[in-house]
């Protein structure tokens, strides 16, 4: 609503956070989806000087792939007259934040959430970082449509989460270590696992239906995320839990594969 209209469309990857097209359609905003490369990475050149409102999840979802900060800066620098939004929901799991670039580029907005690395998914709290003019545009709309969108209890919890940053970053470190363990175990089982800088892995095994694995795991009480898009229908997104959780997941997965 703040940065797009019929003359200023949005652009984002074809495989990314599923609500980008939903938000665009809800607000009657034209949008363009740019295909990821064969390895599911973003091709930086596709966004250079594109002249539209760019939205990039970094790390991306559901792939977990991270676009280096130098490439983000190239995109921002080449679109000086357009807003570039970098969604960093998963950045604390091994990525590098673009927040340090907001003092250099007036067209950059970096968004974050407390739902992932700060374990506050139910609080529904997020934040945006950018120059004063970009934030003023967001506040204009907020005060016009939903002025009380953050309640005082949620805000207090968010402030305290920032105060306990060392605790949450240690949690992220443990999750990253567990992610590496699970990736190696999946690869031993013959899975193709995309390199991830998020709190999940995106994996598939040749000759085994992604939907079948999803359904069999669900029968055993283990939920992973399956997508029906043609390019990724054989993959499942596996969220990283505790080491015990993941050992249970791997044990059940092995039993399914043996069947």
Protein backbone atom coordinates (compact mmCIF):
# COMPACT_ATOMS: atom_id res chain seq x y z
CA UNK A 1 0.00 0.00 0.00
CA UNK A 2 2.82 2.40 0.77
CA UNK A 3 5.18 1.79 -2.12
CA UNK A 4 3.14 0.30 -4.98
CA UNK A 5 0.22 1.22 -7.22
CA UNK A 6 -0.91 0.61 -10.79
CA UNK A 7 1.97 2.69 -12.15
CA UNK A 8 4.54 1.25 -9.74
CA UNK A 9 4.24 -2.56 -9.77
CA UNK A 10 5.98 -5.01 -7.47
CA UNK A 11 8.57 -7.60 -8.48
CA UNK A 12 9.79 -10.67 -6.57
CA UNK A 13 10.99 -14.24 -7.25
CA UNK A 14 8.57 -16.89 -8.48
CA UNK A 15 9.52 -19.13 -5.56
CA UNK A 16 9.50 -17.15 -2.32
CA UNK A 17 7.24 -16.26 0.62
CA UNK A 18 3.76 -17.10 -0.60
CA UNK A 19 2.03 -13.99 0.72
CA UNK A 20 3.79 -11.54 -1.62
CA UNK A 21 1.41 -12.27 -4.53
CA UNK A 22 -1.50 -12.46 -2.08
CA UNK A 23 -0.75 -8.97 -0.73
CA UNK A 24 -0.32 -7.62 -4.27
CA UNK A 25 -3.63 -9.05 -5.44
CA UNK A 26 -5.41 -7.91 -2.28
CA UNK A 27 -4.30 -4.34 -2.97
CA UNK A 28 -4.93 -4.56 -6.75
CA UNK A 29 -1.25 -4.04 -7.50
CA UNK A 30 0.29 -5.50 -10.67
CA UNK A 31 3.32 -7.68 -10.00
CA UNK A 32 5.99 -9.63 -11.82
CA UNK A 33 7.47 -12.94 -10.66
CA UNK A 34 11.04 -13.57 -11.80
CA UNK A 35 12.05 -17.26 -12.02
CA UNK A 36 14.83 -18.45 -9.76
CA UNK A 37 17.78 -20.09 -11.47
CA UNK A 38 17.99 -23.86 -11.85
CA UNK A 39 19.77 -24.15 -8.50
CA UNK A 40 16.98 -22.05 -6.88
CA UNK A 41 19.23 -19.03 -6.39
CA UNK A 42 18.28 -15.44 -7.22
CA UNK A 43 20.02 -14.05 -10.30
CA UNK A 44 21.07 -10.57 -9.25
CA UNK A 45 21.18 -9.24 -12.81
CA UNK A 46 17.43 -9.86 -13.16
CA UNK A 47 16.79 -7.03 -10.69
CA UNK A 48 19.45 -4.51 -11.75
CA UNK A 49 17.76 -1.27 -12.81
CA UNK A 50 14.35 -2.92 -13.02
CA UNK A 51 12.56 0.25 -11.91
CA UNK A 52 9.85 -1.45 -9.84
CA UNK A 53 9.29 -2.02 -6.13
CA UNK A 54 11.58 -4.97 -5.43
CA UNK A 55 10.79 -7.45 -2.66
CA UNK A 56 13.45 -10.03 -1.77
CA UNK A 57 13.31 -12.46 1.15
CA UNK A 58 16.90 -12.98 2.28
CA UNK A 59 17.41 -15.79 3.19
CA UNK A 60 14.69 -16.86 0.81
CA UNK A 61 11.78 -19.10 1.74
CA UNK A 62 11.24 -21.98 1.29
CA UNK A 63 14.71 -22.56 -0.22
CA UNK A 64 16.79 -21.13 2.64
CA UNK A 65 19.29 -19.69 0.17
CA UNK A 66 21.05 -16.41 1.01
CA UNK A 67 21.96 -13.67 -1.45
CA UNK A 68 25.29 -12.05 -0.46
CA UNK A 69 25.03 -8.52 0.87
CA UNK A 70 27.18 -7.21 -2.01
CA UNK A 71 24.48 -8.39 -4.44
CA UNK A 72 21.72 -6.79 -2.38
CA UNK A 73 23.66 -3.52 -2.48
CA UNK A 74 24.01 -3.75 -6.27
CA UNK A 75 20.24 -4.13 -6.60
CA UNK A 76 19.53 -1.23 -4.24
CA UNK A 77 22.12 1.03 -5.87
CA UNK A 78 20.79 0.37 -9.38
CA UNK A 79 17.18 1.20 -8.43
CA UNK A 80 17.61 4.60 -6.77
CA UNK A 81 14.13 5.76 -7.80
CA UNK A 82 12.40 2.60 -6.55
CA UNK A 83 11.97 1.10 -3.09
CA UNK A 84 13.82 -2.16 -2.43
CA UNK A 85 12.37 -4.19 0.43
CA UNK A 86 14.60 -6.87 1.96
CA UNK A 87 12.64 -9.29 4.14
CA UNK A 88 15.07 -10.68 6.72
CA UNK A 89 12.75 -13.00 8.65
CA UNK A 90 15.47 -15.70 8.79
CA UNK A 91 18.66 -13.63 8.74
CA UNK A 92 19.74 -14.58 12.29
CA UNK A 93 20.34 -18.19 11.26
CA UNK A 94 23.54 -17.49 9.33
CA UNK A 95 22.82 -14.56 7.01
CA UNK A 96 24.14 -11.00 7.05
CA UNK A 97 21.72 -8.14 7.62
CA UNK A 98 21.36 -5.26 5.17
CA UNK A 99 20.36 -2.89 7.97
CA UNK A 100 23.81 -1.30 7.94
CA UNK A 101 23.09 -0.07 4.39
CA UNK A 102 20.03 2.04 5.27
CA UNK A 103 22.14 5.11 6.10
CA UNK A 104 23.66 4.94 2.63
CA UNK A 105 20.58 4.19 0.53
CA UNK A 106 17.34 6.12 1.00
CA UNK A 107 15.38 3.58 -1.07
CA UNK A 108 16.12 0.56 1.16
CA UNK A 109 13.64 -0.84 3.67
CA UNK A 110 14.74 -3.85 5.75
CA UNK A 111 12.03 -5.80 7.54
CA UNK A 112 12.33 -8.30 10.35
CA UNK A 113 10.18 -10.40 12.65
CA UNK A 114 10.17 -11.74 16.19
CA UNK A 115 8.49 -14.94 14.97
CA UNK A 116 11.65 -16.88 14.11
CA UNK A 117 14.88 -16.19 15.97
CA UNK A 118 13.08 -14.63 18.94
CA UNK A 119 10.53 -17.47 19.30
CA UNK A 120 7.54 -15.10 19.41
CA UNK A 121 5.47 -16.39 16.49
CA UNK A 122 2.17 -16.03 18.37
CA UNK A 123 2.89 -12.40 19.24
CA UNK A 124 2.67 -11.34 15.55
CA UNK A 125 5.33 -8.65 15.90
CA UNK A 126 7.56 -7.33 13.15
CA UNK A 127 9.63 -4.24 12.41
CA UNK A 128 10.98 -2.18 9.56
CA UNK A 129 14.22 -0.20 9.29
CA UNK A 130 14.75 2.57 6.76
CA UNK A 131 15.21 6.31 6.41
CA UNK A 132 12.68 8.69 7.95
CA UNK A 133 10.78 9.30 4.70
CA UNK A 134 10.13 5.59 4.10
CA UNK A 135 8.99 5.05 7.65
CA UNK A 136 6.76 8.14 7.46
CA UNK A 137 4.98 6.59 4.45
CA UNK A 138 4.34 3.42 6.47
CA UNK A 139 3.07 5.39 9.46
CA UNK A 140 0.73 7.45 7.27
CA UNK A 141 -1.00 4.26 6.17
CA UNK A 142 -0.87 2.69 9.63
CA UNK A 143 -2.60 5.66 11.23
CA UNK A 144 -5.20 5.65 8.43
CA UNK A 145 -6.08 1.97 8.45
CA UNK A 146 -4.98 0.19 11.64
CA UNK A 147 -3.48 2.60 14.17
CA UNK A 148 -3.44 0.12 17.06
CA UNK A 149 -1.81 -2.76 15.20
CA UNK A 150 0.75 -3.39 17.97
CA UNK A 151 -0.60 -3.79 21.50
CA UNK A 152 1.32 -2.74 24.59
CA UNK A 153 1.98 -6.25 25.90
CA UNK A 154 3.40 -7.42 22.59
CA UNK A 155 5.55 -4.30 22.37
CA UNK A 156 6.91 -4.88 25.87
CA UNK A 157 7.75 -8.48 24.99
CA UNK A 158 9.55 -7.31 21.85
CA UNK A 159 11.64 -4.79 23.76
CA UNK A 160 12.61 -7.44 26.30
CA UNK A 161 13.58 -9.83 23.49
CA UNK A 162 16.05 -7.25 22.21
CA UNK A 163 17.42 -6.87 25.76
CA UNK A 164 17.99 -10.65 25.87
CA UNK A 165 19.72 -10.71 22.50
CA UNK A 166 22.63 -12.92 23.65
CA UNK A 167 20.19 -15.61 24.81
CA UNK A 168 18.37 -15.70 21.49
CA UNK A 169 21.55 -15.63 19.44
CA UNK A 170 22.79 -18.65 21.41
CA UNK A 171 19.53 -20.41 20.51
CA UNK A 172 20.18 -19.60 16.86
CA UNK A 173 23.67 -21.05 17.14
CA UNK A 174 22.28 -24.32 18.48
CA UNK A 175 19.70 -24.45 15.68
CA UNK A 176 22.43 -23.88 13.07
CA UNK A 177 24.50 -26.70 14.55
CA UNK A 178 21.48 -29.01 14.49
CA UNK A 179 20.72 -27.93 10.92
CA UNK A 180 24.20 -28.99 9.84
CA UNK A 181 23.77 -32.37 11.56
CA UNK A 182 20.41 -32.98 9.86
CA UNK A 183 21.74 -31.94 6.46
CA UNK A 184 24.58 -34.46 6.68
CA UNK A 185 22.21 -37.22 7.78
CA UNK A 186 19.79 -36.45 4.94
CA UNK A 187 22.63 -36.51 2.44
CA UNK A 188 23.67 -39.92 3.75
CA UNK A 189 20.14 -41.07 2.91
CA UNK A 190 20.54 -39.81 -0.66
CA UNK A 191 18.68 -36.53 -0.36
CA UNK A 192 19.54 -33.41 -2.31
CA UNK A 193 19.60 -30.66 0.32
CA UNK A 194 19.87 -27.00 -0.61
CA UNK A 195 22.42 -24.96 1.36
CA UNK A 196 20.40 -23.10 3.97
CA UNK A 197 20.91 -19.99 6.06
CA UNK A 198 17.45 -20.32 7.62
CA UNK A 199 15.98 -22.42 10.43
CA UNK A 200 14.86 -25.09 7.95
CA UNK A 201 16.17 -27.32 5.17
CA UNK A 202 14.68 -27.80 1.70
CA UNK A 203 15.26 -31.35 0.51
CA UNK A 204 14.21 -33.97 -2.03
CA UNK A 205 15.21 -37.52 -2.91
CA UNK A 206 15.23 -38.76 -6.50
CA UNK A 207 12.61 -41.43 -7.11
CA UNK A 208 10.60 -40.58 -4.00
CA UNK A 209 7.52 -38.37 -4.18
CA UNK A 210 7.73 -35.27 -2.02
CA UNK A 211 4.01 -35.46 -1.34
CA UNK A 212 4.28 -39.13 -0.35
CA UNK A 213 7.01 -38.34 2.19
CA UNK A 214 4.95 -35.45 3.56
CA UNK A 215 1.87 -37.63 3.97
CA UNK A 216 3.74 -40.55 5.53
CA UNK A 217 5.53 -38.28 7.99
CA UNK A 218 2.21 -36.68 8.89
CA UNK A 219 0.73 -40.10 9.65
CA UNK A 220 3.57 -40.58 12.12
CA UNK A 221 2.85 -37.24 13.80
CA UNK A 222 5.69 -35.32 12.14
CA UNK A 223 4.81 -32.19 10.16
CA UNK A 224 6.97 -30.85 7.36
CA UNK A 225 5.87 -28.33 4.71
CA UNK A 226 4.95 -29.50 1.21
CA UNK A 227 4.33 -27.20 -1.76
CA UNK A 228 2.35 -27.97 -4.91
CA UNK A 229 4.22 -25.62 -7.26
CA UNK A 230 5.56 -27.65 -10.17
CA UNK A 231 9.24 -26.76 -9.73
CA UNK A 232 9.33 -27.63 -6.03
CA UNK A 233 6.64 -30.30 -5.63
CA UNK A 234 9.24 -33.02 -4.94
CA UNK A 235 10.80 -31.00 -2.12
CA UNK A 236 9.78 -30.65 1.50
CA UNK A 237 10.71 -27.88 3.90
CA UNK A 238 11.95 -29.33 7.17
CA UNK A 239 11.99 -26.99 10.16
CA UNK A 240 14.86 -27.55 12.58
CA UNK A 241 13.73 -28.35 16.12
CA UNK A 242 15.71 -29.74 19.04
CA UNK A 243 18.34 -32.39 18.46
CA UNK A 244 15.93 -34.95 19.95
CA UNK A 245 13.14 -33.80 17.62
CA UNK A 246 15.38 -34.16 14.59
CA UNK A 247 16.68 -37.58 15.58
CA UNK A 248 13.05 -38.73 15.86
CA UNK A 249 12.33 -37.24 12.44
CA UNK A 250 15.33 -39.00 10.89
CA UNK A 251 14.40 -42.33 12.48
CA UNK A 252 10.84 -42.17 11.15
CA UNK A 253 12.10 -41.01 7.74
CA UNK A 254 14.43 -44.02 7.50
CA UNK A 255 11.53 -46.35 8.27
CA UNK A 256 9.44 -44.74 5.53
CA UNK A 257 12.24 -45.08 2.99
CA UNK A 258 12.75 -48.74 3.90
CA UNK A 259 9.09 -49.36 3.06
